[in-house]
């Protein structure tokens, strides 16, 4: 039995339950990020055909995403420390989902460029804040084992997201549904 920072008695059972909740929530969170990360790369060819965008323009759009993602990585960890990882994660996921809805209906290259960049910034909130949260709920001696299991999230999320985007791409609904 331990005493938490508020003076409440914390049993090992309560702590174990919270650790499982944190593990599950962060695992699902990071796997979920991939559903707004993979669609562009899966639908890129049909997106280009539909809008008459050439490979160079599609490459520029991909570079905008990746550049914003890289810059966002530097900001996201500090933002999580300042405002809390839960708030930053929820905001990042909400912005990413919103950006993807716009990407699914966008027809202009300017709109697409702005929202794919915004999605890159939003996607950057995932890793540092989820890993930081996991670090706070695990001891140093168990982190390798627990994080090894936790890191399955990006493989599972990536496969499911790519598969779902490809499924919609292959239906009569078309590339737009890959974003939705």
N, C-alpha and C. Protein backbone atom coordinates (compact mmCIF):
# COMPACT_ATOMS: atom_id res chain seq x y z
N UNK A 1 0.85 -1.16 0.00
CA UNK A 1 0.00 0.00 0.00
C UNK A 1 0.90 1.24 0.00
N UNK A 2 0.52 2.22 -0.84
CA UNK A 2 1.29 3.46 -0.91
C UNK A 2 0.32 4.64 -0.77
N UNK A 3 0.90 5.80 -0.55
CA UNK A 3 0.12 7.03 -0.46
C UNK A 3 0.44 7.86 -1.70
N UNK A 4 -0.59 8.28 -2.45
CA UNK A 4 -0.34 9.09 -3.64
C UNK A 4 -0.13 10.55 -3.26
N UNK A 5 0.11 11.41 -4.27
CA UNK A 5 0.42 12.82 -4.01
C UNK A 5 -0.73 13.59 -3.38
N UNK A 6 -1.93 13.06 -3.44
CA UNK A 6 -3.10 13.72 -2.82
C UNK A 6 -3.38 13.20 -1.42
N UNK A 7 -2.58 12.25 -0.97
CA UNK A 7 -2.77 11.69 0.36
C UNK A 7 -3.73 10.52 0.40
N UNK A 8 -4.13 10.01 -0.76
CA UNK A 8 -5.04 8.87 -0.82
C UNK A 8 -4.27 7.57 -0.77
N UNK A 9 -4.87 6.59 -0.13
CA UNK A 9 -4.25 5.27 -0.09
C UNK A 9 -4.42 4.62 -1.46
N UNK A 10 -3.31 4.13 -1.97
CA UNK A 10 -3.31 3.50 -3.29
C UNK A 10 -2.91 2.05 -3.12
N UNK A 11 -3.81 1.14 -3.40
CA UNK A 11 -3.49 -0.27 -3.30
C UNK A 11 -2.81 -0.73 -4.58
N UNK A 12 -2.14 -1.83 -4.47
CA UNK A 12 -1.47 -2.40 -5.64
C UNK A 12 -2.49 -2.81 -6.70
N UNK A 13 -3.67 -3.26 -6.26
CA UNK A 13 -4.71 -3.64 -7.21
C UNK A 13 -5.18 -2.43 -8.01
N UNK A 14 -5.40 -1.31 -7.31
CA UNK A 14 -5.81 -0.09 -8.01
C UNK A 14 -4.73 0.36 -8.99
N UNK A 15 -3.49 0.31 -8.55
CA UNK A 15 -2.39 0.72 -9.41
C UNK A 15 -2.27 -0.19 -10.63
N UNK A 16 -2.42 -1.50 -10.42
CA UNK A 16 -2.35 -2.44 -11.54
C UNK A 16 -3.47 -2.19 -12.53
N UNK A 17 -4.66 -1.89 -12.02
CA UNK A 17 -5.79 -1.57 -12.91
C UNK A 17 -5.51 -0.31 -13.72
N UNK A 18 -4.97 0.71 -13.06
CA UNK A 18 -4.65 1.95 -13.78
C UNK A 18 -3.54 1.72 -14.82
N UNK A 19 -2.57 0.92 -14.46
CA UNK A 19 -1.49 0.63 -15.42
C UNK A 19 -2.05 -0.07 -16.66
N UNK A 20 -2.99 -1.00 -16.48
CA UNK A 20 -3.61 -1.68 -17.61
C UNK A 20 -4.41 -0.70 -18.44
N UNK A 21 -5.13 0.21 -17.79
CA UNK A 21 -5.90 1.23 -18.51
C UNK A 21 -4.99 2.14 -19.31
N UNK A 22 -3.90 2.57 -18.71
CA UNK A 22 -2.95 3.45 -19.40
C UNK A 22 -2.33 2.72 -20.58
N UNK A 23 -1.91 1.48 -20.36
CA UNK A 23 -1.33 0.69 -21.44
C UNK A 23 -2.32 0.59 -22.61
N UNK A 24 -3.57 0.21 -22.30
CA UNK A 24 -4.59 0.03 -23.34
C UNK A 24 -4.91 1.33 -24.06
N UNK A 25 -5.10 2.40 -23.30
CA UNK A 25 -5.46 3.69 -23.90
C UNK A 25 -4.35 4.22 -24.80
N UNK A 26 -3.11 4.13 -24.34
CA UNK A 26 -2.00 4.64 -25.15
C UNK A 26 -1.75 3.73 -26.36
N UNK A 27 -1.91 2.42 -26.17
CA UNK A 27 -1.74 1.49 -27.29
C UNK A 27 -2.77 1.80 -28.37
N UNK A 28 -4.04 1.92 -27.99
CA UNK A 28 -5.10 2.22 -28.95
C UNK A 28 -4.91 3.61 -29.57
N UNK A 29 -4.45 4.55 -28.76
CA UNK A 29 -4.22 5.90 -29.26
C UNK A 29 -3.18 5.89 -30.38
N UNK A 30 -2.04 5.27 -30.12
CA UNK A 30 -0.98 5.31 -31.13
C UNK A 30 -1.34 4.47 -32.35
N UNK A 31 -1.98 3.33 -32.15
CA UNK A 31 -2.45 2.54 -33.30
C UNK A 31 -3.45 3.36 -34.11
N UNK A 32 -4.30 4.10 -33.41
CA UNK A 32 -5.31 4.92 -34.08
C UNK A 32 -4.73 6.05 -34.91
N UNK A 33 -3.59 6.58 -34.50
CA UNK A 33 -2.96 7.64 -35.28
C UNK A 33 -2.71 7.19 -36.72
N UNK A 34 -2.44 5.91 -36.90
CA UNK A 34 -2.11 5.41 -38.24
C UNK A 34 -3.28 5.49 -39.20
N UNK A 35 -4.50 5.54 -38.69
CA UNK A 35 -5.66 5.64 -39.57
C UNK A 35 -5.73 7.00 -40.26
N UNK A 36 -5.04 7.98 -39.70
CA UNK A 36 -4.94 9.30 -40.36
C UNK A 36 -3.53 9.54 -40.90
N UNK A 37 -2.71 8.52 -40.90
CA UNK A 37 -1.34 8.66 -41.38
C UNK A 37 -1.12 7.95 -42.71
N UNK A 38 -1.84 6.90 -42.97
CA UNK A 38 -1.56 6.04 -44.12
C UNK A 38 -2.36 6.35 -45.37
N UNK A 39 -3.52 6.98 -45.22
CA UNK A 39 -4.45 7.12 -46.35
C UNK A 39 -3.82 7.82 -47.56
N UNK A 40 -3.10 8.91 -47.33
CA UNK A 40 -2.51 9.65 -48.45
C UNK A 40 -1.58 8.75 -49.26
N UNK A 41 -0.75 7.99 -48.57
CA UNK A 41 0.24 7.17 -49.25
C UNK A 41 -0.43 6.04 -50.02
N UNK A 42 -1.53 5.53 -49.50
CA UNK A 42 -2.26 4.46 -50.18
C UNK A 42 -3.03 5.01 -51.38
N UNK A 43 -3.65 6.16 -51.22
CA UNK A 43 -4.54 6.72 -52.25
C UNK A 43 -3.84 7.68 -53.21
N UNK A 44 -2.56 7.87 -53.04
CA UNK A 44 -1.83 8.90 -53.80
C UNK A 44 -2.00 8.78 -55.31
N UNK A 45 -1.89 7.59 -55.84
CA UNK A 45 -1.98 7.43 -57.30
C UNK A 45 -3.37 7.82 -57.82
N UNK A 46 -4.41 7.30 -57.18
CA UNK A 46 -5.77 7.64 -57.64
C UNK A 46 -6.11 9.10 -57.35
N UNK A 47 -5.56 9.65 -56.31
CA UNK A 47 -5.73 11.07 -56.02
C UNK A 47 -5.16 11.91 -57.16
N UNK A 48 -3.98 11.53 -57.61
CA UNK A 48 -3.35 12.22 -58.73
C UNK A 48 -4.15 12.11 -60.01
N UNK A 49 -4.66 10.93 -60.29
CA UNK A 49 -5.46 10.73 -61.50
C UNK A 49 -6.73 11.57 -61.43
N UNK A 50 -7.41 11.54 -60.30
CA UNK A 50 -8.69 12.25 -60.16
C UNK A 50 -8.54 13.76 -60.30
N UNK A 51 -7.42 14.30 -59.78
CA UNK A 51 -7.22 15.76 -59.79
C UNK A 51 -6.25 16.22 -60.88
N UNK A 52 -5.74 15.30 -61.65
CA UNK A 52 -4.73 15.61 -62.68
C UNK A 52 -3.48 16.24 -62.07
N UNK A 53 -3.06 15.65 -60.93
CA UNK A 53 -1.84 16.10 -60.26
C UNK A 53 -0.72 15.14 -60.66
N UNK A 54 0.41 15.67 -61.06
CA UNK A 54 1.51 14.81 -61.49
C UNK A 54 2.31 14.30 -60.29
N UNK A 55 3.25 13.42 -60.56
CA UNK A 55 4.06 12.80 -59.51
C UNK A 55 4.86 13.82 -58.73
N UNK A 56 5.33 14.87 -59.41
CA UNK A 56 6.10 15.90 -58.72
C UNK A 56 5.24 16.61 -57.67
N UNK A 57 4.03 16.99 -58.04
CA UNK A 57 3.14 17.67 -57.10
C UNK A 57 2.77 16.74 -55.93
N UNK A 58 2.50 15.49 -56.22
CA UNK A 58 2.20 14.53 -55.16
C UNK A 58 3.41 14.36 -54.23
N UNK A 59 4.60 14.39 -54.80
CA UNK A 59 5.82 14.34 -53.99
C UNK A 59 5.97 15.56 -53.10
N UNK A 60 5.63 16.72 -53.62
CA UNK A 60 5.68 17.96 -52.83
C UNK A 60 4.67 17.87 -51.68
N UNK A 61 3.46 17.38 -51.97
CA UNK A 61 2.45 17.23 -50.91
C UNK A 61 2.93 16.27 -49.83
N UNK A 62 3.53 15.17 -50.23
CA UNK A 62 4.10 14.23 -49.26
C UNK A 62 5.21 14.87 -48.45
N UNK A 63 6.02 15.70 -49.09
CA UNK A 63 7.11 16.39 -48.39
C UNK A 63 6.58 17.43 -47.41
N UNK A 64 5.48 18.07 -47.75
CA UNK A 64 4.85 19.02 -46.82
C UNK A 64 4.42 18.27 -45.56
N UNK A 65 3.77 17.15 -45.75
CA UNK A 65 3.36 16.33 -44.60
C UNK A 65 4.57 15.96 -43.74
N UNK A 66 5.59 15.39 -44.37
CA UNK A 66 6.76 14.91 -43.63
C UNK A 66 7.52 16.05 -42.96
N UNK A 67 7.62 17.21 -43.64
CA UNK A 67 8.30 18.36 -43.04
C UNK A 67 7.56 18.87 -41.81
N UNK A 68 6.24 18.97 -41.92
CA UNK A 68 5.43 19.41 -40.78
C UNK A 68 5.49 18.39 -39.64
N UNK A 69 5.51 17.13 -39.99
CA UNK A 69 5.64 16.07 -38.98
C UNK A 69 6.97 16.20 -38.24
N UNK A 70 8.05 16.42 -38.98
CA UNK A 70 9.37 16.54 -38.36
C UNK A 70 9.45 17.76 -37.44
N UNK A 71 8.96 18.90 -37.89
CA UNK A 71 8.96 20.10 -37.06
C UNK A 71 8.07 19.88 -35.84
N UNK A 72 6.92 19.26 -36.06
CA UNK A 72 5.99 19.00 -34.96
C UNK A 72 6.57 18.10 -33.89
N UNK A 73 7.48 17.20 -34.26
CA UNK A 73 8.12 16.33 -33.28
C UNK A 73 8.90 17.14 -32.24
N UNK A 74 9.51 18.22 -32.67
CA UNK A 74 10.27 19.06 -31.74
C UNK A 74 9.35 19.80 -30.78
N UNK A 75 8.16 20.11 -31.23
CA UNK A 75 7.21 20.90 -30.44
C UNK A 75 6.35 20.03 -29.54
N UNK A 76 5.98 18.85 -30.00
CA UNK A 76 4.99 18.01 -29.32
C UNK A 76 5.41 17.58 -27.92
N UNK A 77 6.65 17.19 -27.74
CA UNK A 77 7.11 16.76 -26.42
C UNK A 77 7.06 17.89 -25.41
N UNK A 78 7.52 19.06 -25.84
CA UNK A 78 7.49 20.22 -24.94
C UNK A 78 6.05 20.63 -24.64
N UNK A 79 5.18 20.53 -25.63
CA UNK A 79 3.77 20.86 -25.42
C UNK A 79 3.15 19.90 -24.41
N UNK A 80 3.49 18.62 -24.51
CA UNK A 80 2.98 17.64 -23.56
C UNK A 80 3.46 17.89 -22.15
N UNK A 81 4.70 18.34 -22.01
CA UNK A 81 5.23 18.67 -20.69
C UNK A 81 4.51 19.90 -20.12
N UNK A 82 4.24 20.86 -20.97
CA UNK A 82 3.61 22.10 -20.51
C UNK A 82 2.12 21.93 -20.22
N UNK A 83 1.37 21.29 -21.13
CA UNK A 83 -0.09 21.23 -21.00
C UNK A 83 -0.62 19.84 -20.62
N UNK A 84 0.27 18.89 -20.54
CA UNK A 84 -0.13 17.53 -20.19
C UNK A 84 -0.32 16.68 -21.43
N UNK A 85 0.17 15.44 -21.39
CA UNK A 85 0.11 14.58 -22.57
C UNK A 85 -1.32 14.24 -22.98
N UNK A 86 -2.23 14.10 -22.03
CA UNK A 86 -3.61 13.75 -22.39
C UNK A 86 -4.24 14.83 -23.25
N UNK A 87 -4.08 16.08 -22.85
CA UNK A 87 -4.65 17.19 -23.62
C UNK A 87 -4.02 17.27 -25.01
N UNK A 88 -2.70 17.16 -25.06
CA UNK A 88 -2.00 17.26 -26.34
C UNK A 88 -2.38 16.10 -27.26
N UNK A 89 -2.48 14.88 -26.70
CA UNK A 89 -2.89 13.73 -27.51
C UNK A 89 -4.30 13.89 -28.04
N UNK A 90 -5.23 14.27 -27.18
CA UNK A 90 -6.62 14.43 -27.63
C UNK A 90 -6.73 15.53 -28.67
N UNK A 91 -6.03 16.63 -28.46
CA UNK A 91 -6.06 17.72 -29.45
C UNK A 91 -5.44 17.26 -30.76
N UNK A 92 -4.30 16.55 -30.69
CA UNK A 92 -3.65 16.06 -31.90
C UNK A 92 -4.53 15.09 -32.67
N UNK A 93 -5.19 14.18 -31.96
CA UNK A 93 -6.08 13.23 -32.64
C UNK A 93 -7.27 13.94 -33.26
N UNK A 94 -7.84 14.90 -32.55
CA UNK A 94 -9.00 15.63 -33.08
C UNK A 94 -8.63 16.43 -34.32
N UNK A 95 -7.48 17.10 -34.29
CA UNK A 95 -7.04 17.88 -35.45
C UNK A 95 -6.74 16.96 -36.62
N UNK A 96 -6.13 15.83 -36.35
CA UNK A 96 -5.81 14.89 -37.42
C UNK A 96 -7.08 14.34 -38.07
N UNK A 97 -8.07 13.98 -37.28
CA UNK A 97 -9.34 13.49 -37.83
C UNK A 97 -10.02 14.58 -38.64
N UNK A 98 -10.05 15.80 -38.09
CA UNK A 98 -10.65 16.92 -38.82
C UNK A 98 -9.94 17.20 -40.13
N UNK A 99 -8.62 17.16 -40.11
CA UNK A 99 -7.84 17.39 -41.33
C UNK A 99 -8.15 16.31 -42.36
N UNK A 100 -8.32 15.08 -41.91
CA UNK A 100 -8.61 14.00 -42.84
C UNK A 100 -9.99 14.12 -43.48
N UNK A 101 -10.93 14.62 -42.72
CA UNK A 101 -12.26 14.85 -43.31
C UNK A 101 -12.13 15.88 -44.43
N UNK A 102 -11.38 16.95 -44.18
CA UNK A 102 -11.19 17.97 -45.22
C UNK A 102 -10.41 17.38 -46.40
N UNK A 103 -9.39 16.57 -46.14
CA UNK A 103 -8.63 15.95 -47.23
C UNK A 103 -9.52 15.06 -48.09
N UNK A 104 -10.52 14.45 -47.47
CA UNK A 104 -11.43 13.59 -48.22
C UNK A 104 -12.35 14.35 -49.16
N UNK A 105 -12.58 15.63 -48.89
CA UNK A 105 -13.48 16.42 -49.76
C UNK A 105 -12.75 17.48 -50.56
N UNK A 106 -11.48 17.71 -50.26
CA UNK A 106 -10.73 18.77 -50.93
C UNK A 106 -10.52 18.47 -52.41
N UNK A 107 -10.61 19.52 -53.21
CA UNK A 107 -10.35 19.41 -54.65
C UNK A 107 -9.18 20.26 -55.09
N UNK A 108 -8.87 21.30 -54.33
CA UNK A 108 -7.81 22.21 -54.71
C UNK A 108 -6.48 21.84 -54.07
N UNK A 109 -5.41 22.09 -54.80
CA UNK A 109 -4.08 21.75 -54.30
C UNK A 109 -3.72 22.60 -53.07
N UNK A 110 -4.16 23.86 -53.03
CA UNK A 110 -3.86 24.72 -51.88
C UNK A 110 -4.50 24.20 -50.60
N UNK A 111 -5.76 23.85 -50.70
CA UNK A 111 -6.47 23.30 -49.54
C UNK A 111 -5.82 22.00 -49.10
N UNK A 112 -5.51 21.16 -50.07
CA UNK A 112 -4.88 19.88 -49.76
C UNK A 112 -3.53 20.09 -49.07
N UNK A 113 -2.74 21.04 -49.57
CA UNK A 113 -1.42 21.30 -49.00
C UNK A 113 -1.53 21.78 -47.56
N UNK A 114 -2.46 22.70 -47.30
CA UNK A 114 -2.62 23.23 -45.94
C UNK A 114 -3.04 22.12 -44.97
N UNK A 115 -4.00 21.31 -45.38
CA UNK A 115 -4.53 20.30 -44.45
C UNK A 115 -3.65 19.06 -44.32
N UNK A 116 -2.86 18.77 -45.35
CA UNK A 116 -1.92 17.66 -45.17
C UNK A 116 -0.77 18.10 -44.26
N UNK A 117 -0.40 19.39 -44.33
CA UNK A 117 0.59 19.92 -43.40
C UNK A 117 0.06 19.95 -41.97
N UNK A 118 -1.18 20.39 -41.81
CA UNK A 118 -1.81 20.40 -40.49
C UNK A 118 -1.89 18.98 -39.92
N UNK A 119 -2.20 18.02 -40.78
CA UNK A 119 -2.22 16.63 -40.34
C UNK A 119 -0.82 16.19 -39.89
N UNK A 120 0.22 16.62 -40.58
CA UNK A 120 1.57 16.28 -40.17
C UNK A 120 1.90 16.80 -38.77
N UNK A 121 1.53 18.06 -38.50
CA UNK A 121 1.74 18.62 -37.16
C UNK A 121 0.96 17.82 -36.12
N UNK A 122 -0.30 17.52 -36.42
CA UNK A 122 -1.15 16.80 -35.48
C UNK A 122 -0.61 15.39 -35.22
N UNK A 123 -0.13 14.73 -36.27
CA UNK A 123 0.41 13.39 -36.12
C UNK A 123 1.64 13.36 -35.21
N UNK A 124 2.37 14.45 -35.17
CA UNK A 124 3.59 14.52 -34.36
C UNK A 124 3.31 14.47 -32.86
N UNK A 125 2.08 14.69 -32.45
CA UNK A 125 1.76 14.68 -31.02
C UNK A 125 1.71 13.27 -30.45
N UNK A 126 1.66 12.27 -31.30
CA UNK A 126 1.42 10.91 -30.83
C UNK A 126 2.55 10.24 -30.07
N UNK A 127 3.70 10.15 -30.68
CA UNK A 127 4.76 9.33 -30.11
C UNK A 127 5.26 9.84 -28.76
N UNK A 128 5.72 11.08 -28.72
CA UNK A 128 6.35 11.57 -27.49
C UNK A 128 5.39 11.56 -26.31
N UNK A 129 4.15 11.90 -26.54
CA UNK A 129 3.19 11.97 -25.43
C UNK A 129 2.71 10.59 -24.98
N UNK A 130 2.55 9.66 -25.90
CA UNK A 130 2.20 8.29 -25.50
C UNK A 130 3.36 7.60 -24.80
N UNK A 131 4.56 7.73 -25.33
CA UNK A 131 5.72 7.10 -24.71
C UNK A 131 6.02 7.74 -23.35
N UNK A 132 5.88 9.06 -23.26
CA UNK A 132 6.09 9.73 -21.98
C UNK A 132 5.10 9.26 -20.93
N UNK A 133 3.87 9.08 -21.34
CA UNK A 133 2.85 8.58 -20.42
C UNK A 133 3.20 7.17 -19.96
N UNK A 134 3.59 6.32 -20.90
CA UNK A 134 3.98 4.96 -20.54
C UNK A 134 5.18 4.96 -19.60
N UNK A 135 6.13 5.85 -19.85
CA UNK A 135 7.31 5.94 -18.99
C UNK A 135 6.96 6.30 -17.56
N UNK A 136 5.93 7.11 -17.39
CA UNK A 136 5.51 7.51 -16.05
C UNK A 136 4.81 6.38 -15.29
N UNK A 137 4.32 5.38 -16.00
CA UNK A 137 3.57 4.31 -15.37
C UNK A 137 4.34 2.98 -15.33
N UNK A 138 5.60 3.00 -15.70
CA UNK A 138 6.40 1.78 -15.66
C UNK A 138 7.71 2.06 -14.95
N UNK A 139 8.23 1.06 -14.28
CA UNK A 139 9.54 1.21 -13.63
C UNK A 139 10.62 0.95 -14.67
N UNK A 140 11.81 1.43 -14.38
CA UNK A 140 12.93 1.24 -15.31
C UNK A 140 13.20 -0.24 -15.58
N UNK A 141 13.05 -1.06 -14.57
CA UNK A 141 13.38 -2.48 -14.72
C UNK A 141 12.39 -3.23 -15.62
N UNK A 142 11.18 -2.72 -15.78
CA UNK A 142 10.19 -3.42 -16.60
C UNK A 142 9.94 -2.77 -17.95
N UNK A 143 10.53 -1.63 -18.21
CA UNK A 143 10.22 -0.88 -19.43
C UNK A 143 10.53 -1.64 -20.71
N UNK A 144 11.63 -2.32 -20.77
CA UNK A 144 11.98 -3.05 -21.99
C UNK A 144 10.93 -4.07 -22.36
N UNK A 145 10.50 -4.85 -21.39
CA UNK A 145 9.50 -5.89 -21.62
C UNK A 145 8.14 -5.28 -21.98
N UNK A 146 7.70 -4.33 -21.19
CA UNK A 146 6.38 -3.73 -21.42
C UNK A 146 6.36 -2.91 -22.70
N UNK A 147 7.39 -2.12 -22.93
CA UNK A 147 7.42 -1.30 -24.15
C UNK A 147 7.59 -2.15 -25.39
N UNK A 148 8.26 -3.30 -25.27
CA UNK A 148 8.36 -4.22 -26.39
C UNK A 148 6.99 -4.70 -26.83
N UNK A 149 6.14 -5.01 -25.87
CA UNK A 149 4.76 -5.40 -26.17
C UNK A 149 3.95 -4.20 -26.64
N UNK A 150 4.13 -3.06 -25.99
CA UNK A 150 3.38 -1.85 -26.34
C UNK A 150 3.67 -1.41 -27.77
N UNK A 151 4.90 -1.57 -28.22
CA UNK A 151 5.30 -1.11 -29.56
C UNK A 151 4.69 -1.92 -30.70
N UNK A 152 3.92 -2.93 -30.38
CA UNK A 152 3.19 -3.62 -31.45
C UNK A 152 2.12 -2.72 -32.04
N UNK A 153 1.80 -1.62 -31.37
CA UNK A 153 0.73 -0.73 -31.82
C UNK A 153 0.99 -0.17 -33.21
N UNK A 154 2.22 0.19 -33.53
CA UNK A 154 2.43 0.79 -34.84
C UNK A 154 2.44 -0.24 -35.96
N UNK A 155 2.79 -1.47 -35.67
CA UNK A 155 2.67 -2.50 -36.70
C UNK A 155 1.19 -2.83 -36.95
N UNK A 156 0.45 -3.07 -35.88
CA UNK A 156 -0.97 -3.40 -36.01
C UNK A 156 -1.74 -2.23 -36.61
N UNK A 157 -1.50 -1.03 -36.09
CA UNK A 157 -2.18 0.16 -36.61
C UNK A 157 -1.86 0.41 -38.07
N UNK A 158 -0.60 0.25 -38.43
CA UNK A 158 -0.19 0.48 -39.82
C UNK A 158 -0.80 -0.52 -40.78
N UNK A 159 -0.83 -1.79 -40.40
CA UNK A 159 -1.41 -2.82 -41.27
C UNK A 159 -2.91 -2.61 -41.41
N UNK A 160 -3.60 -2.37 -40.29
CA UNK A 160 -5.05 -2.18 -40.35
C UNK A 160 -5.42 -0.92 -41.13
N UNK A 161 -4.70 0.16 -40.89
CA UNK A 161 -5.00 1.42 -41.57
C UNK A 161 -4.74 1.31 -43.07
N UNK A 162 -3.62 0.72 -43.45
CA UNK A 162 -3.32 0.55 -44.87
C UNK A 162 -4.34 -0.37 -45.53
N UNK A 163 -4.68 -1.44 -44.84
CA UNK A 163 -5.66 -2.38 -45.38
C UNK A 163 -7.03 -1.75 -45.56
N UNK A 164 -7.46 -0.97 -44.58
CA UNK A 164 -8.76 -0.32 -44.68
C UNK A 164 -8.78 0.73 -45.78
N UNK A 165 -7.72 1.52 -45.87
CA UNK A 165 -7.64 2.53 -46.93
C UNK A 165 -7.61 1.86 -48.30
N UNK A 166 -6.87 0.77 -48.43
CA UNK A 166 -6.81 0.04 -49.71
C UNK A 166 -8.16 -0.60 -50.03
N UNK A 167 -8.84 -1.10 -49.02
CA UNK A 167 -10.17 -1.69 -49.24
C UNK A 167 -11.10 -0.64 -49.85
N UNK A 168 -11.17 0.55 -49.23
CA UNK A 168 -12.05 1.58 -49.75
C UNK A 168 -11.59 2.08 -51.12
N UNK A 169 -10.30 2.10 -51.34
CA UNK A 169 -9.77 2.50 -52.63
C UNK A 169 -10.25 1.54 -53.73
N UNK A 170 -10.39 0.28 -53.38
CA UNK A 170 -10.81 -0.73 -54.35
C UNK A 170 -12.31 -0.82 -54.55
N UNK A 171 -13.08 -0.11 -53.75
CA UNK A 171 -14.54 -0.14 -53.91
C UNK A 171 -14.98 0.97 -54.86
N UNK A 172 -16.24 0.97 -55.15
CA UNK A 172 -16.79 2.03 -56.00
C UNK A 172 -16.84 3.38 -55.28
N UNK A 173 -16.58 3.38 -53.97
CA UNK A 173 -16.59 4.63 -53.20
C UNK A 173 -15.38 5.51 -53.52
N UNK A 174 -14.27 4.89 -53.93
CA UNK A 174 -13.11 5.63 -54.39
C UNK A 174 -12.17 6.14 -53.30
N UNK A 175 -11.20 6.92 -53.74
CA UNK A 175 -10.12 7.36 -52.87
C UNK A 175 -10.59 8.23 -51.72
N UNK A 176 -11.66 8.98 -51.89
CA UNK A 176 -12.13 9.87 -50.83
C UNK A 176 -12.46 9.10 -49.55
N UNK A 177 -13.02 7.91 -49.70
CA UNK A 177 -13.36 7.11 -48.54
C UNK A 177 -12.13 6.54 -47.85
N UNK A 178 -11.00 6.51 -48.55
CA UNK A 178 -9.75 6.11 -47.89
C UNK A 178 -9.39 7.13 -46.80
N UNK A 179 -9.74 8.39 -47.03
CA UNK A 179 -9.48 9.42 -46.04
C UNK A 179 -10.51 9.41 -44.91
N UNK A 180 -11.74 9.09 -45.25
CA UNK A 180 -12.78 9.06 -44.21
C UNK A 180 -12.61 7.88 -43.30
